[in-house]
Amino acid sequence: MTGIHFLAPLGLYILPQWHYPRLDLKDPRRRWGVTRWEFYHAPAPWGPWTLFFCQEFEPEAWYNPSIPSKFISEDGRILWIFTAGNNSIKEDYKLWMFPMTLDVVT
């Protein structure tokens, strides 16, 4: 599950995507211990979509990043990403929030 987010001040659409890139590993504890987030942008909701950022997290298992519109700055460049999952350091499963600043080249 993912969602498209329109950043009106920038006139572009953002699509956060995620997956577990290591599901082929034999050790079940490690299969879900790496998460990859990919962010795409497009000028219209139908695309064309272009990858602009990719990040792997290990050993965290964060999934389904979302960008609530309430937490997007007025200029569209600062936003908060909400996600759920485990942080292996504390073994906590909860809601996590991360700031993201977009460096937009026009």
N, C-alpha and C. Protein backbone atom coordinates (compact mmCIF):
# COMPACT_ATOMS: atom_id res chain seq x y z
N MET A 1 0.84 -1.17 0.00
CA MET A 1 0.00 0.00 0.00
C MET A 1 0.88 1.23 0.00
N THR A 2 0.48 2.17 -0.77
CA THR A 2 1.18 3.45 -0.80
C THR A 2 0.20 4.52 -1.23
N GLY A 3 0.63 5.73 -1.22
CA GLY A 3 -0.25 6.81 -1.63
C GLY A 3 0.52 7.89 -2.36
N ILE A 4 -0.16 8.58 -3.23
CA ILE A 4 0.42 9.69 -3.96
C ILE A 4 0.10 10.97 -3.19
N HIS A 5 1.07 11.84 -3.09
CA HIS A 5 0.90 13.09 -2.37
C HIS A 5 1.23 14.25 -3.30
N PHE A 6 0.32 15.21 -3.39
CA PHE A 6 0.53 16.38 -4.23
C PHE A 6 1.14 17.49 -3.40
N LEU A 7 2.27 18.01 -3.84
CA LEU A 7 2.92 19.14 -3.18
C LEU A 7 2.60 20.38 -4.02
N ALA A 8 1.49 21.04 -3.69
CA ALA A 8 0.98 22.15 -4.50
C ALA A 8 1.99 23.27 -4.72
N PRO A 9 2.73 23.72 -3.69
CA PRO A 9 3.68 24.82 -3.93
C PRO A 9 4.78 24.46 -4.93
N LEU A 10 5.08 23.17 -5.06
CA LEU A 10 6.12 22.73 -5.98
C LEU A 10 5.54 22.21 -7.30
N GLY A 11 4.22 22.02 -7.33
CA GLY A 11 3.57 21.54 -8.53
C GLY A 11 3.99 20.13 -8.94
N LEU A 12 4.25 19.29 -7.95
CA LEU A 12 4.65 17.92 -8.28
C LEU A 12 4.03 16.91 -7.33
N TYR A 13 4.01 15.68 -7.79
CA TYR A 13 3.46 14.57 -7.03
C TYR A 13 4.62 13.73 -6.49
N ILE A 14 4.45 13.25 -5.27
CA ILE A 14 5.45 12.39 -4.62
C ILE A 14 4.80 11.04 -4.34
N LEU A 15 5.53 9.98 -4.62
CA LEU A 15 5.06 8.62 -4.37
C LEU A 15 6.09 7.88 -3.54
N PRO A 16 5.85 7.67 -2.22
CA PRO A 16 6.76 6.85 -1.44
C PRO A 16 6.41 5.37 -1.65
N GLN A 17 7.42 4.56 -1.78
CA GLN A 17 7.23 3.12 -1.98
C GLN A 17 8.20 2.39 -1.06
N TRP A 18 7.91 1.15 -0.75
CA TRP A 18 8.78 0.39 0.15
C TRP A 18 8.71 -1.08 -0.21
N HIS A 19 9.74 -1.81 0.18
CA HIS A 19 9.72 -3.27 0.09
C HIS A 19 10.87 -3.85 0.91
N TYR A 20 10.80 -5.16 1.11
CA TYR A 20 11.86 -5.90 1.79
C TYR A 20 12.73 -6.54 0.71
N PRO A 21 13.95 -6.04 0.51
CA PRO A 21 14.78 -6.52 -0.60
C PRO A 21 15.47 -7.86 -0.35
N ARG A 22 15.39 -8.42 0.85
CA ARG A 22 16.15 -9.63 1.17
C ARG A 22 15.26 -10.82 1.53
N LEU A 23 14.11 -10.92 0.92
CA LEU A 23 13.20 -12.03 1.23
C LEU A 23 13.74 -13.38 0.80
N ASP A 24 14.80 -13.40 0.00
CA ASP A 24 15.38 -14.67 -0.45
C ASP A 24 16.35 -15.28 0.57
N LEU A 25 16.66 -14.60 1.66
CA LEU A 25 17.59 -15.13 2.66
C LEU A 25 16.98 -16.31 3.42
N LYS A 26 17.81 -17.24 3.82
CA LYS A 26 17.34 -18.42 4.55
C LYS A 26 16.96 -18.10 5.99
N ASP A 27 17.67 -17.17 6.60
CA ASP A 27 17.41 -16.81 7.99
C ASP A 27 16.17 -15.93 8.06
N PRO A 28 15.05 -16.45 8.60
CA PRO A 28 13.81 -15.66 8.61
C PRO A 28 13.91 -14.36 9.39
N ARG A 29 14.80 -14.29 10.38
CA ARG A 29 14.94 -13.05 11.15
C ARG A 29 15.54 -11.94 10.31
N ARG A 30 16.35 -12.31 9.32
CA ARG A 30 17.00 -11.30 8.47
C ARG A 30 16.17 -10.93 7.26
N ARG A 31 15.21 -11.76 6.89
CA ARG A 31 14.38 -11.46 5.71
C ARG A 31 13.67 -10.14 5.84
N TRP A 32 13.13 -9.89 7.02
CA TRP A 32 12.36 -8.67 7.25
C TRP A 32 13.16 -7.65 8.04
N GLY A 33 14.47 -7.84 8.14
CA GLY A 33 15.32 -6.93 8.89
C GLY A 33 15.93 -5.83 8.05
N VAL A 34 15.61 -5.80 6.77
CA VAL A 34 16.10 -4.74 5.89
C VAL A 34 14.90 -4.20 5.12
N THR A 35 14.75 -2.90 5.16
CA THR A 35 13.66 -2.25 4.43
C THR A 35 14.26 -1.26 3.44
N ARG A 36 13.70 -1.20 2.26
CA ARG A 36 14.13 -0.21 1.27
C ARG A 36 12.96 0.73 0.99
N TRP A 37 13.23 2.01 1.14
CA TRP A 37 12.27 3.03 0.76
C TRP A 37 12.73 3.65 -0.55
N GLU A 38 11.79 3.88 -1.44
CA GLU A 38 12.07 4.54 -2.70
C GLU A 38 11.05 5.67 -2.86
N PHE A 39 11.52 6.82 -3.31
CA PHE A 39 10.64 7.96 -3.51
C PHE A 39 10.70 8.37 -4.98
N TYR A 40 9.51 8.55 -5.54
CA TYR A 40 9.37 8.92 -6.94
C TYR A 40 8.65 10.26 -7.03
N HIS A 41 8.90 11.00 -8.10
CA HIS A 41 8.16 12.24 -8.34
C HIS A 41 7.65 12.23 -9.78
N ALA A 42 6.58 13.00 -9.99
CA ALA A 42 5.98 13.10 -11.32
C ALA A 42 5.26 14.44 -11.44
N PRO A 43 5.11 14.93 -12.67
CA PRO A 43 4.38 16.19 -12.87
C PRO A 43 2.87 16.00 -12.85
N ALA A 44 2.41 14.77 -12.99
CA ALA A 44 0.97 14.45 -12.99
C ALA A 44 0.77 13.12 -12.28
N PRO A 45 -0.44 12.86 -11.77
CA PRO A 45 -0.66 11.61 -11.02
C PRO A 45 -0.48 10.35 -11.86
N TRP A 46 -0.55 10.43 -13.17
CA TRP A 46 -0.37 9.26 -14.03
C TRP A 46 1.07 9.12 -14.51
N GLY A 47 1.95 10.04 -14.08
CA GLY A 47 3.36 9.93 -14.41
C GLY A 47 3.76 10.89 -15.51
N PRO A 48 4.93 10.65 -16.07
CA PRO A 48 5.85 9.56 -15.81
C PRO A 48 6.56 9.74 -14.46
N TRP A 49 6.78 8.63 -13.77
CA TRP A 49 7.39 8.63 -12.44
C TRP A 49 8.90 8.45 -12.56
N THR A 50 9.63 9.24 -11.75
CA THR A 50 11.09 9.20 -11.74
C THR A 50 11.58 8.99 -10.32
N LEU A 51 12.44 8.01 -10.13
CA LEU A 51 13.05 7.77 -8.81
C LEU A 51 13.98 8.92 -8.48
N PHE A 52 13.81 9.52 -7.29
CA PHE A 52 14.71 10.60 -6.90
C PHE A 52 15.44 10.34 -5.59
N PHE A 53 15.01 9.30 -4.85
CA PHE A 53 15.70 8.99 -3.59
C PHE A 53 15.44 7.55 -3.21
N CYS A 54 16.49 6.89 -2.72
CA CYS A 54 16.38 5.50 -2.26
C CYS A 54 17.19 5.36 -0.98
N GLN A 55 16.63 4.67 0.01
CA GLN A 55 17.31 4.48 1.29
C GLN A 55 17.01 3.09 1.82
N GLU A 56 18.07 2.36 2.22
CA GLU A 56 17.88 1.07 2.89
C GLU A 56 18.12 1.24 4.37
N PHE A 57 17.30 0.57 5.16
CA PHE A 57 17.43 0.58 6.61
C PHE A 57 17.71 -0.84 7.07
N GLU A 58 18.75 -1.01 7.85
CA GLU A 58 19.07 -2.32 8.42
C GLU A 58 19.66 -2.08 9.78
N PRO A 59 19.17 -2.67 10.80
CA PRO A 59 18.24 -3.80 10.85
C PRO A 59 16.80 -3.41 11.13
N GLU A 60 16.42 -2.19 10.84
CA GLU A 60 15.03 -1.78 11.07
C GLU A 60 14.09 -2.44 10.06
N ALA A 61 12.86 -2.57 10.49
CA ALA A 61 11.82 -3.13 9.61
C ALA A 61 10.67 -2.14 9.55
N TRP A 62 10.90 -1.04 8.86
CA TRP A 62 9.88 0.00 8.73
C TRP A 62 9.16 -0.19 7.41
N TYR A 63 7.86 0.01 7.43
CA TYR A 63 7.09 -0.24 6.22
C TYR A 63 6.01 0.81 6.02
N ASN A 64 5.51 0.87 4.79
CA ASN A 64 4.41 1.72 4.38
C ASN A 64 4.61 3.19 4.78
N PRO A 65 5.70 3.83 4.31
CA PRO A 65 5.87 5.25 4.64
C PRO A 65 4.74 6.09 4.06
N SER A 66 4.29 7.03 4.84
CA SER A 66 3.18 7.89 4.43
C SER A 66 3.53 9.34 4.76
N ILE A 67 2.99 10.25 3.97
CA ILE A 67 3.24 11.68 4.17
C ILE A 67 1.90 12.36 4.44
N PRO A 68 1.51 12.51 5.71
CA PRO A 68 0.25 13.19 6.00
C PRO A 68 0.31 14.66 5.57
N SER A 69 -0.70 15.12 4.87
CA SER A 69 -0.70 16.48 4.33
C SER A 69 -0.59 17.54 5.43
N LYS A 70 -1.06 17.23 6.62
CA LYS A 70 -0.97 18.18 7.74
C LYS A 70 0.48 18.49 8.08
N PHE A 71 1.39 17.58 7.75
CA PHE A 71 2.79 17.73 8.13
C PHE A 71 3.68 18.04 6.92
N ILE A 72 3.16 18.84 6.00
CA ILE A 72 3.92 19.35 4.86
C ILE A 72 4.00 20.86 5.03
N SER A 73 5.20 21.41 4.94
CA SER A 73 5.37 22.86 5.13
C SER A 73 4.67 23.64 4.02
N GLU A 74 4.46 24.92 4.27
CA GLU A 74 3.75 25.77 3.30
C GLU A 74 4.47 25.85 1.95
N ASP A 75 5.80 25.75 1.96
CA ASP A 75 6.54 25.81 0.70
C ASP A 75 6.70 24.42 0.06
N GLY A 76 6.22 23.37 0.74
CA GLY A 76 6.26 22.01 0.19
C GLY A 76 7.61 21.33 0.27
N ARG A 77 8.59 21.95 0.89
CA ARG A 77 9.94 21.40 0.91
C ARG A 77 10.28 20.60 2.16
N ILE A 78 9.54 20.81 3.23
CA ILE A 78 9.78 20.06 4.46
C ILE A 78 8.52 19.26 4.76
N LEU A 79 8.71 17.97 4.95
CA LEU A 79 7.58 17.10 5.25
C LEU A 79 8.00 16.03 6.25
N TRP A 80 7.00 15.46 6.88
CA TRP A 80 7.25 14.39 7.84
C TRP A 80 6.74 13.08 7.27
N ILE A 81 7.55 12.05 7.41
CA ILE A 81 7.18 10.71 6.96
C ILE A 81 6.79 9.91 8.19
N PHE A 82 5.60 9.34 8.14
CA PHE A 82 5.13 8.46 9.21
C PHE A 82 5.26 7.02 8.73
N THR A 83 5.72 6.15 9.61
CA THR A 83 5.88 4.74 9.28
C THR A 83 5.69 3.92 10.54
N ALA A 84 5.45 2.66 10.37
CA ALA A 84 5.34 1.74 11.51
C ALA A 84 6.40 0.66 11.34
N GLY A 85 6.72 0.00 12.43
CA GLY A 85 7.67 -1.09 12.34
C GLY A 85 8.54 -1.22 13.57
N ASN A 86 9.55 -2.06 13.43
CA ASN A 86 10.45 -2.38 14.54
C ASN A 86 11.76 -1.63 14.40
N ASN A 87 12.25 -1.18 15.53
CA ASN A 87 13.61 -0.68 15.64
C ASN A 87 14.35 -1.75 16.42
N SER A 88 15.29 -2.41 15.81
CA SER A 88 15.94 -3.56 16.44
C SER A 88 16.76 -3.20 17.67
N ILE A 89 17.13 -1.95 17.82
CA ILE A 89 17.90 -1.56 19.00
C ILE A 89 17.06 -1.69 20.25
N LYS A 90 15.81 -1.26 20.20
CA LYS A 90 14.92 -1.32 21.36
C LYS A 90 13.86 -2.40 21.23
N GLU A 91 13.78 -3.03 20.06
CA GLU A 91 12.76 -4.05 19.81
C GLU A 91 11.35 -3.48 19.96
N ASP A 92 11.18 -2.21 19.64
CA ASP A 92 9.88 -1.55 19.76
C ASP A 92 9.14 -1.57 18.43
N TYR A 93 7.89 -1.99 18.47
CA TYR A 93 7.02 -1.86 17.31
C TYR A 93 6.09 -0.70 17.61
N LYS A 94 6.20 0.36 16.82
CA LYS A 94 5.38 1.54 17.08
C LYS A 94 5.37 2.44 15.86
N LEU A 95 4.73 3.58 16.01
CA LEU A 95 4.71 4.60 14.98
C LEU A 95 6.01 5.40 15.08
N TRP A 96 6.65 5.60 13.92
CA TRP A 96 7.87 6.39 13.85
C TRP A 96 7.63 7.57 12.92
N MET A 97 8.27 8.71 13.22
CA MET A 97 8.12 9.90 12.40
C MET A 97 9.49 10.45 12.07
N PHE A 98 9.70 10.74 10.78
CA PHE A 98 11.00 11.23 10.32
C PHE A 98 10.80 12.49 9.48
N PRO A 99 11.62 13.53 9.73
CA PRO A 99 11.54 14.71 8.86
C PRO A 99 12.27 14.45 7.55
N MET A 100 11.80 15.07 6.49
CA MET A 100 12.45 14.97 5.18
C MET A 100 12.44 16.35 4.56
N THR A 101 13.59 16.81 4.10
CA THR A 101 13.70 18.09 3.42
C THR A 101 14.02 17.83 1.96
N LEU A 102 13.23 18.42 1.08
CA LEU A 102 13.43 18.24 -0.35
C LEU A 102 14.30 19.38 -0.88
N ASP A 103 15.32 19.01 -1.62
CA ASP A 103 16.17 19.97 -2.30
C ASP A 103 15.72 19.97 -3.75
N VAL A 104 14.86 20.91 -4.09
CA VAL A 104 14.22 20.92 -5.40
C VAL A 104 14.99 21.81 -6.36
N VAL A 105 15.35 21.23 -7.50
CA VAL A 105 16.04 21.98 -8.55
C VAL A 105 15.03 22.32 -9.64
N THR A 106 14.88 23.59 -9.93
CA THR A 106 13.91 23.99 -10.95
C THR A 106 14.59 24.49 -12.21
